[in-house]
PDB file of all heavy atoms in Angstrom:
ATOM      1  N   CYS A   1       0.828  -1.226   0.021  1.00  0.00           N
ATOM      2  CA  CYS A   1       0.002   0.022  -0.054  1.00  0.00           C
ATOM      3  C   CYS A   1       0.854   1.307  -0.029  1.00  0.00           C
ATOM      4  O   CYS A   1       0.442   2.313  -0.479  1.00  0.00           O
ATOM      5  CB  CYS A   1      -0.923  -0.034   1.195  1.00  0.00           C
ATOM      6  SG  CYS A   1      -2.300  -1.145   1.050  1.00  0.00           S
ATOM      7  N   GLU A   2       1.985   1.079   0.583  1.00  0.00           N
ATOM      8  CA  GLU A   2       2.986   2.344   0.629  1.00  0.00           C
ATOM      9  C   GLU A   2       3.574   2.519  -0.740  1.00  0.00           C
ATOM     10  O   GLU A   2       3.901   3.538  -1.277  1.00  0.00           O
ATOM     11  CB  GLU A   2       4.089   2.245   1.624  1.00  0.00           C
ATOM     12  CG  GLU A   2       3.491   2.300   3.115  1.00  0.00           C
ATOM     13  CD  GLU A   2       4.537   1.932   4.109  1.00  0.00           C
ATOM     14  OE1 GLU A   2       5.767   1.596   3.644  1.00  0.00           O
ATOM     15  OE2 GLU A   2       4.318   1.905   5.238  1.00  0.00           O
ATOM     16  N   GLN A   3       3.816   1.414  -1.549  1.00  0.00           N
ATOM     17  CA  GLN A   3       4.521   1.488  -2.829  1.00  0.00           C
ATOM     18  C   GLN A   3       3.439   1.745  -3.959  1.00  0.00           C
ATOM     19  O   GLN A   3       3.925   2.342  -5.040  1.00  0.00           O
ATOM     20  CB  GLN A   3       5.226   0.212  -3.018  1.00  0.00           C
ATOM     21  CG  GLN A   3       6.102   0.111  -4.345  1.00  0.00           C
ATOM     22  CD  GLN A   3       6.870  -1.165  -4.445  1.00  0.00           C
ATOM     23  OE1 GLN A   3       6.795  -1.940  -3.502  1.00  0.00           O
ATOM     24  NE2 GLN A   3       7.600  -1.224  -5.437  1.00  0.00           N
ATOM     25  N   TYR A   4       2.239   1.225  -3.784  1.00  0.00           N
ATOM     26  CA  TYR A   4       1.270   1.428  -4.912  1.00  0.00           C
ATOM     27  C   TYR A   4       0.009   2.038  -4.457  1.00  0.00           C
ATOM     28  O   TYR A   4      -0.398   1.896  -3.330  1.00  0.00           O
ATOM     29  CB  TYR A   4       1.055   0.011  -5.605  1.00  0.00           C
ATOM     30  CG  TYR A   4       2.224  -0.697  -6.137  1.00  0.00           C
ATOM     31  CD1 TYR A   4       2.795  -1.620  -5.416  1.00  0.00           C
ATOM     32  CD2 TYR A   4       2.816  -0.357  -7.400  1.00  0.00           C
ATOM     33  CE1 TYR A   4       3.880  -2.505  -5.847  1.00  0.00           C
ATOM     34  CE2 TYR A   4       4.063  -0.989  -7.852  1.00  0.00           C
ATOM     35  CZ  TYR A   4       4.476  -2.011  -6.976  1.00  0.00           C
ATOM     36  OH  TYR A   4       5.631  -2.721  -7.434  1.00  0.00           O
ATOM     37  N   THR A   5      -0.699   2.681  -5.410  1.00  0.00           N
ATOM     38  CA  THR A   5      -2.052   3.116  -5.106  1.00  0.00           C
ATOM     39  C   THR A   5      -3.067   1.967  -5.186  1.00  0.00           C
ATOM     40  O   THR A   5      -2.815   1.033  -5.611  1.00  0.00           O
ATOM     41  CB  THR A   5      -2.506   4.204  -6.109  1.00  0.00           C
ATOM     42  OG1 THR A   5      -2.721   3.670  -7.417  1.00  0.00           O
ATOM     43  CG2 THR A   5      -1.462   5.334  -6.156  1.00  0.00           C
ATOM     44  N   GLN A   6      -4.327   2.289  -4.558  1.00  0.00           N
ATOM     45  CA  GLN A   6      -5.368   1.339  -4.634  1.00  0.00           C
ATOM     46  C   GLN A   6      -5.697   0.922  -6.067  1.00  0.00           C
ATOM     47  O   GLN A   6      -5.993  -0.295  -6.385  1.00  0.00           O
ATOM     48  CB  GLN A   6      -6.564   1.849  -3.845  1.00  0.00           C
ATOM     49  CG  GLN A   6      -6.391   2.039  -2.484  1.00  0.00           C
ATOM     50  CD  GLN A   6      -7.654   2.637  -1.731  1.00  0.00           C
ATOM     51  OE1 GLN A   6      -8.575   2.968  -2.432  1.00  0.00           O
ATOM     52  NE2 GLN A   6      -7.685   2.771  -0.522  1.00  0.00           N
ATOM     53  N   GLU A   7      -5.844   1.924  -7.072  1.00  0.00           N
ATOM     54  CA  GLU A   7      -6.066   1.623  -8.349  1.00  0.00           C
ATOM     55  C   GLU A   7      -5.067   0.710  -8.980  1.00  0.00           C
ATOM     56  O   GLU A   7      -5.569  -0.219  -9.684  1.00  0.00           O
ATOM     57  CB  GLU A   7      -6.256   2.984  -9.198  1.00  0.00           C
ATOM     58  CG  GLU A   7      -7.394   3.847  -8.815  1.00  0.00           C
ATOM     59  CD  GLU A   7      -7.243   4.528  -7.536  1.00  0.00           C
ATOM     60  OE1 GLU A   7      -6.184   4.566  -6.992  1.00  0.00           O
ATOM     61  OE2 GLU A   7      -8.239   5.200  -7.092  1.00  0.00           O
ATOM     62  N   GLU A   8      -3.836   0.936  -8.764  1.00  0.00           N
ATOM     63  CA  GLU A   8      -2.715   0.024  -9.291  1.00  0.00           C
ATOM     64  C   GLU A   8      -2.843  -1.382  -8.814  1.00  0.00           C
ATOM     65  O   GLU A   8      -2.707  -2.347  -9.520  1.00  0.00           O
ATOM     66  CB  GLU A   8      -1.298   0.740  -9.053  1.00  0.00           C
ATOM     67  CG  GLU A   8      -1.010   1.946  -9.717  1.00  0.00           C
ATOM     68  CD  GLU A   8       0.186   2.611  -9.229  1.00  0.00           C
ATOM     69  OE1 GLU A   8       0.508   2.392  -8.066  1.00  0.00           O
ATOM     70  OE2 GLU A   8       0.892   3.372 -10.030  1.00  0.00           O
ATOM     71  N   LEU A   9      -3.144  -1.514  -7.510  1.00  0.00           N
ATOM     72  CA  LEU A   9      -3.249  -2.833  -6.978  1.00  0.00           C
ATOM     73  C   LEU A   9      -4.443  -3.505  -7.499  1.00  0.00           C
ATOM     74  O   LEU A   9      -4.447  -4.839  -7.815  1.00  0.00           O
ATOM     75  CB  LEU A   9      -3.339  -2.734  -5.423  1.00  0.00           C
ATOM     76  CG  LEU A   9      -2.017  -2.353  -4.696  1.00  0.00           C
ATOM     77  CD1 LEU A   9      -2.364  -2.195  -3.173  1.00  0.00           C
ATOM     78  CD2 LEU A   9      -1.017  -3.444  -4.853  1.00  0.00           C
ATOM     79  N   ALA A  10      -5.606  -2.766  -7.667  1.00  0.00           N
ATOM     80  CA  ALA A  10      -6.878  -3.439  -8.161  1.00  0.00           C
ATOM     81  C   ALA A  10      -6.627  -3.877  -9.677  1.00  0.00           C
ATOM     82  O   ALA A  10      -7.074  -4.886 -10.143  1.00  0.00           O
ATOM     83  CB  ALA A  10      -7.995  -2.446  -8.079  1.00  0.00           C
ATOM     84  N   SER A  11      -5.857  -3.018 -10.389  1.00  0.00           N
ATOM     85  CA  SER A  11      -5.690  -3.232 -11.885  1.00  0.00           C
ATOM     86  C   SER A  11      -4.753  -4.461 -11.976  1.00  0.00           C
ATOM     87  O   SER A  11      -5.089  -5.308 -12.860  1.00  0.00           O
ATOM     88  CB  SER A  11      -4.864  -2.076 -12.437  1.00  0.00           C
ATOM     89  OG  SER A  11      -4.527  -2.360 -13.778  1.00  0.00           O
ATOM     90  N   ALA A  12      -3.755  -4.606 -11.041  1.00  0.00           N
ATOM     91  CA  ALA A  12      -2.880  -5.870 -11.194  1.00  0.00           C
ATOM     92  C   ALA A  12      -3.698  -7.060 -10.889  1.00  0.00           C
ATOM     93  O   ALA A  12      -3.453  -8.155 -11.463  1.00  0.00           O
ATOM     94  CB  ALA A  12      -1.693  -5.645 -10.215  1.00  0.00           C
ATOM     95  N   LEU A  13      -4.556  -7.013  -9.784  1.00  0.00           N
ATOM     96  CA  LEU A  13      -5.478  -8.163  -9.417  1.00  0.00           C
ATOM     97  C   LEU A  13      -6.358  -8.581 -10.612  1.00  0.00           C
ATOM     98  O   LEU A  13      -6.463  -9.718 -10.902  1.00  0.00           O
ATOM     99  CB  LEU A  13      -6.206  -7.813  -8.207  1.00  0.00           C
ATOM    100  CG  LEU A  13      -7.166  -8.968  -7.691  1.00  0.00           C
ATOM    101  CD1 LEU A  13      -6.245 -10.160  -7.288  1.00  0.00           C
ATOM    102  CD2 LEU A  13      -7.867  -8.365  -6.399  1.00  0.00           C
ATOM    103  N   LEU A  14      -6.904  -7.560 -11.218  1.00  0.00           N
ATOM    104  CA  LEU A  14      -7.853  -7.909 -12.281  1.00  0.00           C
ATOM    105  C   LEU A  14      -7.192  -8.486 -13.483  1.00  0.00           C
ATOM    106  O   LEU A  14      -7.518  -9.425 -14.097  1.00  0.00           O
ATOM    107  CB  LEU A  14      -8.687  -6.681 -12.798  1.00  0.00           C
ATOM    108  CG  LEU A  14      -9.885  -6.319 -11.928  1.00  0.00           C
ATOM    109  CD1 LEU A  14     -10.466  -5.001 -12.482  1.00  0.00           C
ATOM    110  CD2 LEU A  14     -10.952  -7.394 -12.072  1.00  0.00           C
ATOM    111  N   ARG A  15      -6.032  -7.983 -13.756  1.00  0.00           N
ATOM    112  CA  ARG A  15      -5.212  -8.535 -14.955  1.00  0.00           C
ATOM    113  C   ARG A  15      -4.770  -9.978 -14.726  1.00  0.00           C
ATOM    114  O   ARG A  15      -4.736 -10.639 -15.591  1.00  0.00           O
ATOM    115  CB  ARG A  15      -4.019  -7.674 -15.182  1.00  0.00           C
ATOM    116  CG  ARG A  15      -4.302  -6.310 -15.838  1.00  0.00           C
ATOM    117  CD  ARG A  15      -3.004  -5.704 -16.611  1.00  0.00           C
ATOM    118  NE  ARG A  15      -1.984  -5.592 -15.645  1.00  0.00           N
ATOM    119  CZ  ARG A  15      -1.640  -4.632 -14.809  1.00  0.00           C
ATOM    120  NH1 ARG A  15      -2.357  -3.645 -14.742  1.00  0.00           N
ATOM    121  NH2 ARG A  15      -0.425  -4.717 -13.994  1.00  0.00           N
ATOM    122  N   THR A  16      -4.570 -10.214 -13.409  1.00  0.00           N
ATOM    123  CA  THR A  16      -4.127 -11.640 -13.081  1.00  0.00           C
ATOM    124  C   THR A  16      -5.295 -12.569 -13.239  1.00  0.00           C
ATOM    125  O   THR A  16      -5.170 -13.602 -13.706  1.00  0.00           O
ATOM    126  CB  THR A  16      -3.635 -11.599 -11.632  1.00  0.00           C
ATOM    127  OG1 THR A  16      -2.503 -10.787 -11.604  1.00  0.00           O
ATOM    128  CG2 THR A  16      -3.246 -13.034 -11.321  1.00  0.00           C
ATOM    129  N   MET A  17      -6.425 -12.180 -12.803  1.00  0.00           N
ATOM    130  CA  MET A  17      -7.627 -13.088 -12.763  1.00  0.00           C
ATOM    131  C   MET A  17      -8.391 -13.058 -14.026  1.00  0.00           C
ATOM    132  O   MET A  17      -9.059 -14.173 -14.358  1.00  0.00           O
ATOM    133  CB  MET A  17      -8.599 -12.668 -11.522  1.00  0.00           C
ATOM    134  CG  MET A  17      -7.850 -12.584 -10.263  1.00  0.00           C
ATOM    135  SD  MET A  17      -9.053 -12.248  -8.854  1.00  0.00           S
ATOM    136  CE  MET A  17      -9.890 -13.692  -8.666  1.00  0.00           C
ATOM    137  N   ALA A  18      -8.318 -12.064 -14.889  1.00  0.00           N
ATOM    138  CA  ALA A  18      -8.949 -12.102 -16.221  1.00  0.00           C
ATOM    139  C   ALA A  18      -7.917 -12.106 -17.342  1.00  0.00           C
ATOM    140  O   ALA A  18      -7.659 -10.956 -17.930  1.00  0.00           O
ATOM    141  CB  ALA A  18      -9.798 -10.808 -16.225  1.00  0.00           C
ATOM    142  N   LYS A  19      -7.319 -13.155 -17.395  1.00  0.00           N
ATOM    143  CA  LYS A  19      -6.063 -13.285 -18.381  1.00  0.00           C
ATOM    144  C   LYS A  19      -6.643 -13.465 -19.794  1.00  0.00           C
ATOM    145  O   LYS A  19      -7.806 -13.754 -20.020  1.00  0.00           O
ATOM    146  CB  LYS A  19      -5.324 -14.543 -18.061  1.00  0.00           C
ATOM    147  CG  LYS A  19      -4.594 -14.489 -16.705  1.00  0.00           C
ATOM    148  CD  LYS A  19      -3.814 -15.804 -16.450  1.00  0.00           C
ATOM    149  CE  LYS A  19      -3.043 -15.787 -15.073  1.00  0.00           C
ATOM    150  NZ  LYS A  19      -2.374 -17.035 -14.906  1.00  0.00           N
ATOM    151  N   ASP A  20      -5.829 -12.875 -20.776  1.00  0.00           N
ATOM    152  CA  ASP A  20      -6.126 -13.074 -22.183  1.00  0.00           C
ATOM    153  C   ASP A  20      -5.858 -14.504 -22.549  1.00  0.00           C
ATOM    154  O   ASP A  20      -4.727 -14.986 -22.860  1.00  0.00           O
ATOM    155  CB  ASP A  20      -5.243 -12.160 -23.031  1.00  0.00           C
ATOM    156  CG  ASP A  20      -5.556 -12.276 -24.551  1.00  0.00           C
ATOM    157  OD1 ASP A  20      -6.563 -12.942 -24.778  1.00  0.00           O
ATOM    158  OD2 ASP A  20      -4.887 -11.823 -25.281  1.00  0.00           O
ATOM    159  N   LYS A  21      -6.896 -15.432 -22.460  1.00  0.00           N
ATOM    160  CA  LYS A  21      -6.700 -16.878 -22.699  1.00  0.00           C
ATOM    161  C   LYS A  21      -6.431 -17.204 -24.071  1.00  0.00           C
ATOM    162  O   LYS A  21      -5.844 -18.244 -24.315  1.00  0.00           O
ATOM    163  CB  LYS A  21      -8.051 -17.661 -22.139  1.00  0.00           C
ATOM    164  CG  LYS A  21      -8.229 -17.386 -20.678  1.00  0.00           C
ATOM    165  CD  LYS A  21      -9.482 -18.161 -20.295  1.00  0.00           C
ATOM    166  CE  LYS A  21      -9.562 -17.916 -18.654  1.00  0.00           C
ATOM    167  NZ  LYS A  21     -10.867 -18.468 -18.230  1.00  0.00           N
ATOM    168  N   THR A  22      -6.864 -16.481 -25.036  1.00  0.00           N
ATOM    169  CA  THR A  22      -6.668 -16.691 -26.430  1.00  0.00           C
ATOM    170  C   THR A  22      -5.234 -16.481 -26.827  1.00  0.00           C
ATOM    171  O   THR A  22      -4.809 -16.918 -27.843  1.00  0.00           O
ATOM    172  CB  THR A  22      -7.431 -15.784 -27.403  1.00  0.00           C
ATOM    173  OG1 THR A  22      -7.164 -14.331 -27.015  1.00  0.00           O
ATOM    174  CG2 THR A  22      -8.935 -16.031 -27.162  1.00  0.00           C
ATOM    175  N   ALA A  23      -4.448 -15.930 -25.930  1.00  0.00           N
ATOM    176  CA  ALA A  23      -2.875 -15.765 -26.290  1.00  0.00           C
ATOM    177  C   ALA A  23      -2.283 -17.180 -26.271  1.00  0.00           C
ATOM    178  O   ALA A  23      -1.248 -17.384 -26.753  1.00  0.00           O
ATOM    179  CB  ALA A  23      -2.269 -14.864 -25.197  1.00  0.00           C
ATOM    180  N   VAL A  24      -3.001 -18.133 -25.572  1.00  0.00           N
ATOM    181  CA  VAL A  24      -2.445 -19.527 -25.618  1.00  0.00           C
ATOM    182  C   VAL A  24      -2.876 -20.261 -26.623  1.00  0.00           C
ATOM    183  O   VAL A  24      -4.096 -20.505 -26.908  1.00  0.00           O
ATOM    184  CB  VAL A  24      -2.851 -20.224 -24.232  1.00  0.00           C
ATOM    185  CG1 VAL A  24      -2.334 -21.622 -24.171  1.00  0.00           C
ATOM    186  CG2 VAL A  24      -2.468 -19.498 -23.006  1.00  0.00           C
ATOM    187  N   LYS A  25      -1.999 -20.611 -27.652  1.00  0.00           N
ATOM    188  CA  LYS A  25      -2.404 -21.320 -28.875  1.00  0.00           C
ATOM    189  C   LYS A  25      -2.695 -22.779 -28.631  1.00  0.00           C
ATOM    190  O   LYS A  25      -1.872 -23.479 -27.931  1.00  0.00           O
ATOM    191  CB  LYS A  25      -1.325 -21.183 -29.855  1.00  0.00           C
ATOM    192  CG  LYS A  25      -0.900 -19.613 -30.184  1.00  0.00           C
ATOM    193  CD  LYS A  25      -2.218 -18.981 -30.825  1.00  0.00           C
ATOM    194  CE  LYS A  25      -1.953 -17.487 -31.215  1.00  0.00           C
ATOM    195  NZ  LYS A  25      -3.133 -16.835 -31.686  1.00  0.00           N
ATOM    196  N   VAL A  26      -3.787 -23.210 -29.083  1.00  0.00           N
ATOM    197  CA  VAL A  26      -4.221 -24.568 -28.936  1.00  0.00           C
ATOM    198  C   VAL A  26      -4.517 -25.179 -30.281  1.00  0.00           C
ATOM    199  O   VAL A  26      -5.247 -24.548 -31.104  1.00  0.00           O
ATOM    200  CB  VAL A  26      -5.491 -24.746 -27.957  1.00  0.00           C
ATOM    201  CG1 VAL A  26      -5.894 -26.192 -27.962  1.00  0.00           C
ATOM    202  CG2 VAL A  26      -5.148 -24.181 -26.592  1.00  0.00           C
ATOM    203  N   THR A  27      -4.015 -26.305 -30.592  1.00  0.00           N
ATOM    204  CA  THR A  27      -4.255 -26.976 -31.936  1.00  0.00           C
ATOM    205  C   THR A  27      -5.096 -28.153 -31.656  1.00  0.00           C
ATOM    206  O   THR A  27      -4.777 -29.072 -30.814  1.00  0.00           O
ATOM    207  CB  THR A  27      -3.087 -27.335 -32.635  1.00  0.00           C
ATOM    208  OG1 THR A  27      -2.190 -26.162 -32.761  1.00  0.00           O
ATOM    209  CG2 THR A  27      -3.273 -27.986 -33.952  1.00  0.00           C
ATOM    210  N   ILE A  28      -6.258 -28.268 -32.304  1.00  0.00           N
ATOM    211  CA  ILE A  28      -7.199 -29.373 -32.243  1.00  0.00           C
ATOM    212  C   ILE A  28      -7.132 -30.065 -33.628  1.00  0.00           C
ATOM    213  O   ILE A  28      -7.347 -29.418 -34.680  1.00  0.00           O
ATOM    214  CB  ILE A  28      -8.669 -29.056 -31.852  1.00  0.00           C
ATOM    215  CG1 ILE A  28      -8.679 -28.221 -30.638  1.00  0.00           C
ATOM    216  CG2 ILE A  28      -9.489 -30.255 -31.755  1.00  0.00           C
ATOM    217  CD1 ILE A  28      -8.204 -28.966 -29.378  1.00  0.00           C
ATOM    218  N   THR A  29      -6.801 -31.406 -33.699  1.00  0.00           N
ATOM    219  CA  THR A  29      -6.711 -31.987 -34.904  1.00  0.00           C
ATOM    220  C   THR A  29      -8.139 -32.090 -35.630  1.00  0.00           C
ATOM    221  O   THR A  29      -9.161 -32.392 -35.111  1.00  0.00           O
ATOM    222  CB  THR A  29      -6.292 -33.466 -34.703  1.00  0.00           C
ATOM    223  OG1 THR A  29      -5.022 -33.552 -33.960  1.00  0.00           O
ATOM    224  CG2 THR A  29      -6.075 -34.204 -36.020  1.00  0.00           C
ATOM    225  N   PRO A  30      -8.151 -31.559 -36.926  1.00  0.00           N
ATOM    226  CA  PRO A  30      -9.428 -31.576 -37.528  1.00  0.00           C
ATOM    227  C   PRO A  30     -10.010 -32.967 -37.835  1.00  0.00           C
ATOM    228  O   PRO A  30      -9.271 -33.958 -38.039  1.00  0.00           O
ATOM    229  CB  PRO A  30      -9.152 -30.749 -39.000  1.00  0.00           C
ATOM    230  CG  PRO A  30      -7.790 -30.155 -38.716  1.00  0.00           C
ATOM    231  CD  PRO A  30      -7.077 -31.037 -37.609  1.00  0.00           C
ATOM    232  N   GLU A  31     -11.314 -33.081 -37.771  1.00  0.00           N
ATOM    233  CA  GLU A  31     -11.986 -34.249 -38.135  1.00  0.00           C
ATOM    234  C   GLU A  31     -12.954 -33.994 -39.269  1.00  0.00           C
ATOM    235  O   GLU A  31     -13.395 -32.889 -39.465  1.00  0.00           O
ATOM    236  CB  GLU A  31     -12.786 -34.748 -37.004  1.00  0.00           C
ATOM    237  CG  GLU A  31     -11.939 -35.396 -35.885  1.00  0.00           C
ATOM    238  CD  GLU A  31     -12.683 -36.091 -34.822  1.00  0.00           C
ATOM    239  OE1 GLU A  31     -13.960 -36.179 -35.066  1.00  0.00           O
ATOM    240  OE2 GLU A  31     -12.193 -36.691 -33.983  1.00  0.00           O
ATOM    241  N   LYS A  32     -13.116 -35.082 -40.089  1.00  0.00           N
ATOM    242  CA  LYS A  32     -13.990 -34.912 -41.244  1.00  0.00           C
ATOM    243  C   LYS A  32     -15.511 -34.702 -40.802  1.00  0.00           C
ATOM    244  O   LYS A  32     -15.930 -35.254 -39.806  1.00  0.00           O
ATOM    245  CB  LYS A  32     -13.958 -36.133 -42.051  1.00  0.00           C
ATOM    246  CG  LYS A  32     -12.688 -36.336 -42.815  1.00  0.00           C
ATOM    247  CD  LYS A  32     -12.761 -37.592 -43.665  1.00  0.00           C
ATOM    248  CE  LYS A  32     -11.519 -37.733 -44.327  1.00  0.00           C
ATOM    249  NZ  LYS A  32     -11.502 -39.065 -45.197  1.00  0.00           N
ATOM    250  N   PRO A  33     -16.200 -33.641 -41.433  1.00  0.00           N
ATOM    251  CA  PRO A  33     -17.609 -33.530 -41.007  1.00  0.00           C
ATOM    252  C   PRO A  33     -18.470 -34.657 -41.502  1.00  0.00           C
ATOM    253  O   PRO A  33     -18.015 -35.433 -42.345  1.00  0.00           O
ATOM    254  CB  PRO A  33     -18.011 -32.224 -41.825  1.00  0.00           C
ATOM    255  CG  PRO A  33     -17.144 -32.229 -42.934  1.00  0.00           C
ATOM    256  CD  PRO A  33     -15.735 -32.818 -42.517  1.00  0.00           C
ATOM    257  N   LEU A  34     -19.558 -34.872 -40.781  1.00  0.00           N
ATOM    258  CA  LEU A  34     -20.542 -35.906 -41.347  1.00  0.00           C
ATOM    259  C   LEU A  34     -21.039 -35.762 -42.653  1.00  0.00           C
ATOM    260  O   LEU A  34     -21.020 -34.545 -43.122  1.00  0.00           O
ATOM    261  CB  LEU A  34     -21.725 -36.035 -40.342  1.00  0.00           C
ATOM    262  CG  LEU A  34     -21.263 -36.480 -38.939  1.00  0.00           C
ATOM    263  CD1 LEU A  34     -22.664 -36.478 -38.118  1.00  0.00           C
ATOM    264  CD2 LEU A  34     -20.727 -37.834 -38.893  1.00  0.00           C
ATOM    265  N   PRO A  35     -21.197 -36.666 -43.500  1.00  0.00           N
ATOM    266  CA  PRO A  35     -21.539 -36.440 -44.955  1.00  0.00           C
ATOM    267  C   PRO A  35     -22.856 -35.755 -45.150  1.00  0.00           C
ATOM    268  O   PRO A  35     -23.769 -35.750 -44.254  1.00  0.00           O
ATOM    269  CB  PRO A  35     -21.532 -37.783 -45.503  1.00  0.00           C
ATOM    270  CG  PRO A  35     -21.942 -38.688 -44.222  1.00  0.00           C
ATOM    271  CD  PRO A  35     -21.356 -38.006 -43.084  1.00  0.00           C
ATOM    272  N   ARG A  36     -22.992 -35.194 -46.368  1.00  0.00           N
ATOM    273  CA  ARG A  36     -24.258 -34.445 -46.738  1.00  0.00           C
ATOM    274  C   ARG A  36     -25.325 -35.554 -47.030  1.00  0.00           C
ATOM    275  O   ARG A  36     -24.857 -36.697 -47.220  1.00  0.00           O
ATOM    276  CB  ARG A  36     -24.150 -33.618 -47.981  1.00  0.00           C
ATOM    277  CG  ARG A  36     -23.167 -32.340 -47.855  1.00  0.00           C
ATOM    278  CD  ARG A  36     -23.007 -31.754 -49.173  1.00  0.00           C
ATOM    279  NE  ARG A  36     -22.343 -30.530 -49.169  1.00  0.00           N
ATOM    280  CZ  ARG A  36     -22.746 -29.303 -48.822  1.00  0.00           C
ATOM    281  NH1 ARG A  36     -24.051 -29.122 -48.512  1.00  0.00           N
ATOM    282  NH2 ARG A  36     -21.882 -28.310 -48.834  1.00  0.00           N
ATOM    283  N   ARG A  37     -26.523 -35.150 -46.881  1.00  0.00           N
ATOM    284  CA  ARG A  37     -27.558 -36.275 -47.307  1.00  0.00           C
ATOM    285  C   ARG A  37     -27.670 -36.431 -48.728  1.00  0.00           C
ATOM    286  O   ARG A  37     -27.664 -35.426 -49.536  1.00  0.00           O
ATOM    287  CB  ARG A  37     -28.969 -35.653 -46.725  1.00  0.00           C
ATOM    288  CG  ARG A  37     -29.985 -36.656 -46.940  1.00  0.00           C
ATOM    289  CD  ARG A  37     -31.313 -36.071 -46.155  1.00  0.00           C
ATOM    290  NE  ARG A  37     -31.912 -34.876 -46.875  1.00  0.00           N
ATOM    291  CZ  ARG A  37     -32.564 -33.903 -46.267  1.00  0.00           C
ATOM    292  NH1 ARG A  37     -32.819 -34.062 -45.134  1.00  0.00           N
ATOM    293  NH2 ARG A  37     -32.861 -32.884 -46.963  1.00  0.00           N
ATOM    294  N   HIS A  38     -27.827 -37.480 -49.204  1.00  0.00           N
ATOM    295  CA  HIS A  38     -27.999 -37.867 -50.668  1.00  0.00           C
ATOM    296  C   HIS A  38     -29.181 -38.696 -50.872  1.00  0.00           C
ATOM    297  O   HIS A  38     -29.647 -39.442 -49.984  1.00  0.00           O
ATOM    298  CB  HIS A  38     -26.806 -38.655 -51.188  1.00  0.00           C
ATOM    299  CG  HIS A  38     -25.521 -37.866 -51.097  1.00  0.00           C
ATOM    300  ND1 HIS A  38     -25.157 -36.834 -51.895  1.00  0.00           N
ATOM    301  CD2 HIS A  38     -24.473 -38.069 -50.249  1.00  0.00           C
ATOM    302  CE1 HIS A  38     -24.096 -36.315 -51.633  1.00  0.00           C
ATOM    303  NE2 HIS A  38     -23.608 -37.080 -50.617  1.00  0.00           N
ATOM    304  N   GLY A  39     -29.797 -38.531 -51.931  1.00  0.00           N
ATOM    305  CA  GLY A  39     -30.972 -39.406 -52.457  1.00  0.00           C
ATOM    306  C   GLY A  39     -32.280 -38.745 -51.925  1.00  0.00           C
ATOM    307  O   GLY A  39     -32.314 -37.750 -51.359  1.00  0.00           O
TER     308      GLY A  39
END
């Protein structure tokens, strides 16, 4: 509290708890879609 303001501490807490999850790249192996209807 002596080193930072309340706003700075709250900002750090929010940034920690609400991370940018899309920054983590995830690869999911593609699968073939189910076929179209015929006939």
